[in-house]
Amino acid sequence: MKKNNNEIITEVAFLLSLKNGFNNVSIKEIQKASGFSAGSIYYHFKDKNEILLDMINMYLIENFYEYKEAIINSDDSFLEKIESIFYYLLGFNKKEFSSPHSSTTSELNYREYYGLFSSIFHQHPETRPLFYKLHMDSYDFYQELVEKAIENNEIKEDIDVKALSIFIHTILKGYVDLCVFQPNLSIEEMMEINLKAIEKITKN
């Protein structure tokens, strides 16, 4: 799918930010890398902060919602869906999922990706409501998967839905943090251990 000018500018800002941090990227650098004049950039975006909000929406929020739909609508089992989320969080696409931005995100170093958005969260408090909403929607997504698994008799019907949803959310957040900040740990081993723990407490 051909990108429009807004998407091209945002993609350039995103890729530069991965290497240098968003605060260290100037409009002049975006201009040089994108081939657009400063006037063209300001025609599409009021300022650099508007590019930042577009970047969060394109590369964090939109990807989550599109992948969420792919997982919910798949015929995979409950554990297979959870496994797909583990892969997705590190940029591996187990589903036949195609986002307008997947060609960019599929090539990412996930440590740079999460490092960038972590720094944005801390350095740009005005963006935090977007992150808070994303995490709440993620929790709702995990709860939806648990409820559907109970309905399909895949897991124990008397399981505490809220507790299991929080447990899954906590595991996935911790898994990402460990993968980013402790690269000496085996991703496959962490995934296997966590999936076994979820299977153990949900088994019929």
C-alpha atoms as a PDB file:
ATOM      1  CA  MET A   1       0.000   0.000   0.000  1.00  0.00           C
ATOM      2  CA  LYS A   2       1.392   3.393  -1.015  1.00  0.00           C
ATOM      3  CA  LYS A   3       2.129   5.673   1.934  1.00  0.00           C
ATOM      4  CA  ASN A   4       0.771   9.199   2.003  1.00  0.00           C
ATOM      5  CA  ASN A   5       2.973  12.177   2.879  1.00  0.00           C
ATOM      6  CA  ASN A   6       1.958  12.167   6.549  1.00  0.00           C
ATOM      7  CA  GLU A   7       2.936   8.512   6.866  1.00  0.00           C
ATOM      8  CA  ILE A   8       6.270   9.047   5.106  1.00  0.00           C
ATOM      9  CA  ILE A   9       7.207  11.936   7.409  1.00  0.00           C
ATOM     10  CA  THR A  10       6.141   9.976  10.502  1.00  0.00           C
ATOM     11  CA  GLU A  11       8.003   6.861   9.366  1.00  0.00           C
ATOM     12  CA  VAL A  12      11.213   8.870   8.823  1.00  0.00           C
ATOM     13  CA  ALA A  13      10.860  10.484  12.273  1.00  0.00           C
ATOM     14  CA  PHE A  14      10.230   7.064  13.802  1.00  0.00           C
ATOM     15  CA  LEU A  15      13.281   5.405  12.215  1.00  0.00           C
ATOM     16  CA  LEU A  16      15.544   8.327  13.169  1.00  0.00           C
ATOM     17  CA  SER A  17      14.153   8.254  16.717  1.00  0.00           C
ATOM     18  CA  LEU A  18      14.921   4.537  17.085  1.00  0.00           C
ATOM     19  CA  LYS A  19      18.609   5.277  16.582  1.00  0.00           C
ATOM     20  CA  ASN A  20      18.938   8.650  18.296  1.00  0.00           C
ATOM     21  CA  GLY A  21      15.933   9.151  20.576  1.00  0.00           C
ATOM     22  CA  PHE A  22      12.996  11.341  19.629  1.00  0.00           C
ATOM     23  CA  ASN A  23      14.264  14.416  21.501  1.00  0.00           C
ATOM     24  CA  ASN A  24      17.531  14.296  19.549  1.00  0.00           C
ATOM     25  CA  VAL A  25      15.872  14.316  16.133  1.00  0.00           C
ATOM     26  CA  SER A  26      15.377  17.734  14.525  1.00  0.00           C
ATOM     27  CA  ILE A  27      12.931  18.855  11.872  1.00  0.00           C
ATOM     28  CA  LYS A  28      15.970  19.539   9.682  1.00  0.00           C
ATOM     29  CA  GLU A  29      17.028  15.876   9.978  1.00  0.00           C
ATOM     30  CA  ILE A  30      13.502  14.701   9.184  1.00  0.00           C
ATOM     31  CA  GLN A  31      13.495  17.065   6.212  1.00  0.00           C
ATOM     32  CA  LYS A  32      16.817  15.725   4.910  1.00  0.00           C
ATOM     33  CA  ALA A  33      15.899  12.041   5.347  1.00  0.00           C
ATOM     34  CA  SER A  34      12.379  12.370   3.930  1.00  0.00           C
ATOM     35  CA  GLY A  35      13.175  14.624   0.995  1.00  0.00           C
ATOM     36  CA  PHE A  36      10.401  17.024   2.006  1.00  0.00           C
ATOM     37  CA  SER A  37      10.966  20.739   2.501  1.00  0.00           C
ATOM     38  CA  ALA A  38      10.441  22.259   5.945  1.00  0.00           C
ATOM     39  CA  GLY A  39       7.348  23.986   4.549  1.00  0.00           C
ATOM     40  CA  SER A  40       5.898  20.646   3.435  1.00  0.00           C
ATOM     41  CA  ILE A  41       6.502  19.112   6.856  1.00  0.00           C
ATOM     42  CA  TYR A  42       4.824  22.057   8.625  1.00  0.00           C
ATOM     43  CA  TYR A  43       1.958  21.844   6.152  1.00  0.00           C
ATOM     44  CA  HIS A  44       1.187  18.334   7.444  1.00  0.00           C
ATOM     45  CA  PHE A  45       2.192  18.805  11.093  1.00  0.00           C
ATOM     46  CA  LYS A  46       1.892  21.856  13.320  1.00  0.00           C
ATOM     47  CA  ASP A  47       5.086  20.960  15.199  1.00  0.00           C
ATOM     48  CA  LYS A  48       7.327  18.051  16.178  1.00  0.00           C
ATOM     49  CA  ASN A  49       5.034  17.022  19.025  1.00  0.00           C
ATOM     50  CA  GLU A  50       2.249  16.426  16.519  1.00  0.00           C
ATOM     51  CA  ILE A  51       4.605  14.065  14.659  1.00  0.00           C
ATOM     52  CA  LEU A  52       5.243  12.317  17.982  1.00  0.00           C
ATOM     53  CA  LEU A  53       1.534  11.684  18.572  1.00  0.00           C
ATOM     54  CA  ASP A  54       1.172  10.358  15.027  1.00  0.00           C
ATOM     55  CA  MET A  55       4.172   8.090  15.605  1.00  0.00           C
ATOM     56  CA  ILE A  56       2.654   6.596  18.761  1.00  0.00           C
ATOM     57  CA  ASN A  57      -0.628   5.989  16.970  1.00  0.00           C
ATOM     58  CA  MET A  58       0.981   4.438  13.870  1.00  0.00           C
ATOM     59  CA  TYR A  59       3.630   2.237  15.441  1.00  0.00           C
ATOM     60  CA  LEU A  60       2.191   1.328  18.815  1.00  0.00           C
ATOM     61  CA  ILE A  61      -1.574   1.709  18.997  1.00  0.00           C
ATOM     62  CA  GLU A  62      -2.782   0.854  15.468  1.00  0.00           C
ATOM     63  CA  ASN A  63      -0.552  -2.223  15.308  1.00  0.00           C
ATOM     64  CA  PHE A  64      -1.943  -3.491  18.616  1.00  0.00           C
ATOM     65  CA  TYR A  65      -5.606  -3.175  17.555  1.00  0.00           C
ATOM     66  CA  GLU A  66      -5.056  -4.769  14.173  1.00  0.00           C
ATOM     67  CA  TYR A  67      -3.118  -7.673  15.654  1.00  0.00           C
ATOM     68  CA  LYS A  68      -5.699  -8.045  18.417  1.00  0.00           C
ATOM     69  CA  GLU A  69      -8.407  -8.570  15.790  1.00  0.00           C
ATOM     70  CA  ALA A  70      -6.251 -11.130  13.945  1.00  0.00           C
ATOM     71  CA  ILE A  71      -5.816 -13.151  17.155  1.00  0.00           C
ATOM     72  CA  ILE A  72      -9.450 -12.930  18.278  1.00  0.00           C
ATOM     73  CA  ASN A  73     -10.719 -14.034  14.870  1.00  0.00           C
ATOM     74  CA  SER A  74      -8.292 -16.942  14.527  1.00  0.00           C
ATOM     75  CA  ASP A  75      -9.258 -20.573  15.129  1.00  0.00           C
ATOM     76  CA  ASP A  76      -6.262 -21.130  17.419  1.00  0.00           C
ATOM     77  CA  SER A  77      -6.630 -22.553  20.889  1.00  0.00           C
ATOM     78  CA  PHE A  78      -6.360 -20.319  23.957  1.00  0.00           C
ATOM     79  CA  LEU A  79      -2.702 -21.231  24.555  1.00  0.00           C
ATOM     80  CA  GLU A  80      -1.844 -20.798  20.875  1.00  0.00           C
ATOM     81  CA  LYS A  81      -3.314 -17.300  20.995  1.00  0.00           C
ATOM     82  CA  ILE A  82      -1.251 -16.452  24.076  1.00  0.00           C
ATOM     83  CA  GLU A  83       1.841 -17.828  22.330  1.00  0.00           C
ATOM     84  CA  SER A  84       1.096 -15.603  19.310  1.00  0.00           C
ATOM     85  CA  ILE A  85       1.002 -12.589  21.643  1.00  0.00           C
ATOM     86  CA  PHE A  86       4.415 -13.550  23.039  1.00  0.00           C
ATOM     87  CA  TYR A  87       5.786 -13.589  19.492  1.00  0.00           C
ATOM     88  CA  TYR A  88       3.993 -10.404  18.472  1.00  0.00           C
ATOM     89  CA  LEU A  89       5.446  -8.433  21.383  1.00  0.00           C
ATOM     90  CA  LEU A  90       8.947  -9.076  20.041  1.00  0.00           C
ATOM     91  CA  GLY A  91       8.048  -8.309  16.442  1.00  0.00           C
ATOM     92  CA  PHE A  92       7.466 -11.840  15.159  1.00  0.00           C
ATOM     93  CA  ASN A  93       4.303 -12.279  13.157  1.00  0.00           C
ATOM     94  CA  LYS A  94       2.878 -15.766  13.678  1.00  0.00           C
ATOM     95  CA  LYS A  95      -0.497 -14.799  12.220  1.00  0.00           C
ATOM     96  CA  GLU A  96      -1.043 -13.697   8.635  1.00  0.00           C
ATOM     97  CA  PHE A  97      -1.271 -10.164   9.903  1.00  0.00           C
ATOM     98  CA  SER A  98      -0.705  -7.234   7.584  1.00  0.00           C
ATOM     99  CA  SER A  99      -0.662  -3.654   8.782  1.00  0.00           C
ATOM    100  CA  PRO A 100       0.136  -0.640   6.613  1.00  0.00           C
ATOM    101  CA  HIS A 101       3.210  -0.296   8.821  1.00  0.00           C
ATOM    102  CA  SER A 102       4.192  -3.963   9.139  1.00  0.00           C
ATOM    103  CA  SER A 103       6.943  -3.646   6.524  1.00  0.00           C
ATOM    104  CA  THR A 104       8.622  -1.127   8.823  1.00  0.00           C
ATOM    105  CA  THR A 105       7.980  -2.789  12.176  1.00  0.00           C
ATOM    106  CA  SER A 106       8.929  -6.282  10.963  1.00  0.00           C
ATOM    107  CA  GLU A 107      12.525  -5.125  10.523  1.00  0.00           C
ATOM    108  CA  LEU A 108      12.815  -3.521  13.961  1.00  0.00           C
ATOM    109  CA  ASN A 109      15.181  -4.287  16.769  1.00  0.00           C
ATOM    110  CA  TYR A 110      12.660  -4.778  19.573  1.00  0.00           C
ATOM    111  CA  ARG A 111      15.093  -3.437  22.188  1.00  0.00           C
ATOM    112  CA  GLU A 112      15.326  -0.141  20.304  1.00  0.00           C
ATOM    113  CA  TYR A 113      11.538  -0.172  19.818  1.00  0.00           C
ATOM    114  CA  TYR A 114      10.632  -0.564  23.490  1.00  0.00           C
ATOM    115  CA  GLY A 115      13.522   1.667  24.566  1.00  0.00           C
ATOM    116  CA  LEU A 116      12.130   4.444  22.371  1.00  0.00           C
ATOM    117  CA  PHE A 117       8.570   4.215  23.655  1.00  0.00           C
ATOM    118  CA  SER A 118       9.751   3.886  27.254  1.00  0.00           C
ATOM    119  CA  SER A 119      11.762   7.104  26.899  1.00  0.00           C
ATOM    120  CA  ILE A 120       8.784   8.853  25.271  1.00  0.00           C
ATOM    121  CA  PHE A 121       6.553   7.839  28.193  1.00  0.00           C
ATOM    122  CA  HIS A 122       9.015   9.321  30.702  1.00  0.00           C
ATOM    123  CA  GLN A 123      10.076  12.417  28.759  1.00  0.00           C
ATOM    124  CA  HIS A 124       6.688  13.413  27.319  1.00  0.00           C
ATOM    125  CA  PRO A 125       4.048  13.232  30.058  1.00  0.00           C
ATOM    126  CA  GLU A 126       1.452  14.653  27.661  1.00  0.00           C
ATOM    127  CA  THR A 127       1.514  11.302  25.825  1.00  0.00           C
ATOM    128  CA  ARG A 128       0.856   9.175  28.915  1.00  0.00           C
ATOM    129  CA  PRO A 129      -2.939   8.986  28.532  1.00  0.00           C
ATOM    130  CA  LEU A 130      -2.333   7.126  25.235  1.00  0.00           C
ATOM    131  CA  PHE A 131      -0.114   4.589  27.009  1.00  0.00           C
ATOM    132  CA  TYR A 132      -2.557   4.196  29.921  1.00  0.00           C
ATOM    133  CA  LYS A 133      -5.452   3.551  27.530  1.00  0.00           C
ATOM    134  CA  LEU A 134      -3.393   1.042  25.546  1.00  0.00           C
ATOM    135  CA  HIS A 135      -2.587  -0.917  28.716  1.00  0.00           C
ATOM    136  CA  MET A 136      -6.211  -0.891  29.840  1.00  0.00           C
ATOM    137  CA  ASP A 137      -7.307  -2.090  26.399  1.00  0.00           C
ATOM    138  CA  SER A 138      -4.624  -4.803  26.530  1.00  0.00           C
ATOM    139  CA  TYR A 139      -6.025  -6.007  29.852  1.00  0.00           C
ATOM    140  CA  ASP A 140      -9.553  -6.040  28.378  1.00  0.00           C
ATOM    141  CA  PHE A 141      -8.200  -8.057  25.433  1.00  0.00           C
ATOM    142  CA  TYR A 142      -6.682 -10.699  27.731  1.00  0.00           C
ATOM    143  CA  GLN A 143      -9.916 -10.850  29.698  1.00  0.00           C
ATOM    144  CA  GLU A 144     -11.850 -11.366  26.454  1.00  0.00           C
ATOM    145  CA  LEU A 145      -9.532 -14.268  25.531  1.00  0.00           C
ATOM    146  CA  VAL A 146     -10.010 -15.853  28.971  1.00  0.00           C
ATOM    147  CA  GLU A 147     -13.810 -15.522  28.839  1.00  0.00           C
ATOM    148  CA  LYS A 148     -13.905 -17.025  25.351  1.00  0.00           C
ATOM    149  CA  ALA A 149     -11.673 -19.916  26.478  1.00  0.00           C
ATOM    150  CA  ILE A 150     -14.072 -20.669  29.360  1.00  0.00           C
ATOM    151  CA  GLU A 151     -17.023 -20.505  26.974  1.00  0.00           C
ATOM    152  CA  ASN A 152     -15.256 -22.986  24.643  1.00  0.00           C
ATOM    153  CA  ASN A 153     -14.440 -25.279  27.580  1.00  0.00           C
ATOM    154  CA  GLU A 154     -10.691 -24.902  26.956  1.00  0.00           C
ATOM    155  CA  ILE A 155      -9.886 -23.892  30.528  1.00  0.00           C
ATOM    156  CA  LYS A 156     -11.449 -24.400  33.959  1.00  0.00           C
ATOM    157  CA  GLU A 157     -14.887 -22.795  34.150  1.00  0.00           C
ATOM    158  CA  ASP A 158     -14.444 -21.777  37.801  1.00  0.00           C
ATOM    159  CA  ILE A 159     -11.236 -19.844  37.184  1.00  0.00           C
ATOM    160  CA  ASP A 160     -11.097 -16.234  38.406  1.00  0.00           C
ATOM    161  CA  VAL A 161     -11.250 -14.292  35.123  1.00  0.00           C
ATOM    162  CA  LYS A 162      -9.927 -11.039  36.580  1.00  0.00           C
ATOM    163  CA  ALA A 163      -7.060 -12.731  38.412  1.00  0.00           C
ATOM    164  CA  LEU A 164      -6.002 -14.746  35.351  1.00  0.00           C
ATOM    165  CA  SER A 165      -6.195 -11.673  33.097  1.00  0.00           C
ATOM    166  CA  ILE A 166      -3.970  -9.708  35.485  1.00  0.00           C
ATOM    167  CA  PHE A 167      -1.591 -12.681  35.720  1.00  0.00           C
ATOM    168  CA  ILE A 168      -1.275 -12.890  31.915  1.00  0.00           C
ATOM    169  CA  HIS A 169      -0.843  -9.122  31.615  1.00  0.00           C
ATOM    170  CA  THR A 170       1.877  -9.167  34.301  1.00  0.00           C
ATOM    171  CA  ILE A 171       3.701 -12.088  32.675  1.00  0.00           C
ATOM    172  CA  LEU A 172       3.692 -10.437  29.242  1.00  0.00           C
ATOM    173  CA  LYS A 173       4.906  -7.084  30.611  1.00  0.00           C
ATOM    174  CA  GLY A 174       7.665  -8.791  32.601  1.00  0.00           C
ATOM    175  CA  TYR A 175       8.624 -10.920  29.590  1.00  0.00           C
ATOM    176  CA  VAL A 176       9.126  -7.822  27.428  1.00  0.00           C
ATOM    177  CA  ASP A 177      11.154  -6.062  30.131  1.00  0.00           C
ATOM    178  CA  LEU A 178      13.424  -9.070  30.609  1.00  0.00           C
ATOM    179  CA  CYS A 179      13.925  -9.480  26.860  1.00  0.00           C
ATOM    180  CA  VAL A 180      14.865  -5.805  26.555  1.00  0.00           C
ATOM    181  CA  PHE A 181      16.994  -5.315  29.654  1.00  0.00           C
ATOM    182  CA  GLN A 182      18.479  -8.795  30.168  1.00  0.00           C
ATOM    183  CA  PRO A 183      19.418  -9.933  26.645  1.00  0.00           C
ATOM    184  CA  ASN A 184      21.516 -12.814  28.001  1.00  0.00           C
ATOM    185  CA  LEU A 185      18.319 -14.691  28.902  1.00  0.00           C
ATOM    186  CA  SER A 186      16.861 -17.089  26.343  1.00  0.00           C
ATOM    187  CA  ILE A 187      13.651 -15.736  24.796  1.00  0.00           C
ATOM    188  CA  GLU A 188      12.485 -19.255  23.930  1.00  0.00           C
ATOM    189  CA  GLU A 189      13.092 -20.524  27.468  1.00  0.00           C
ATOM    190  CA  MET A 190      11.238 -17.590  29.040  1.00  0.00           C
ATOM    191  CA  MET A 191       8.319 -18.105  26.658  1.00  0.00           C
ATOM    192  CA  GLU A 192       8.142 -21.839  27.361  1.00  0.00           C
ATOM    193  CA  ILE A 193       8.270 -21.363  31.151  1.00  0.00           C
ATOM    194  CA  ASN A 194       5.529 -18.736  31.094  1.00  0.00           C
ATOM    195  CA  LEU A 195       3.264 -20.727  28.765  1.00  0.00           C
ATOM    196  CA  LYS A 196       3.633 -23.791  30.993  1.00  0.00           C
ATOM    197  CA  ALA A 197       2.691 -21.701  34.042  1.00  0.00           C
ATOM    198  CA  ILE A 198      -0.451 -20.422  32.301  1.00  0.00           C
ATOM    199  CA  GLU A 199      -1.336 -23.933  31.127  1.00  0.00           C
ATOM    200  CA  LYS A 200      -0.873 -25.356  34.616  1.00  0.00           C
ATOM    201  CA  ILE A 201      -3.295 -22.969  36.312  1.00  0.00           C
ATOM    202  CA  THR A 202      -5.899 -23.096  33.535  1.00  0.00           C
ATOM    203  CA  LYS A 203      -5.938 -26.826  32.785  1.00  0.00           C
ATOM    204  CA  ASN A 204      -9.329 -28.526  32.942  1.00  0.00           C
END
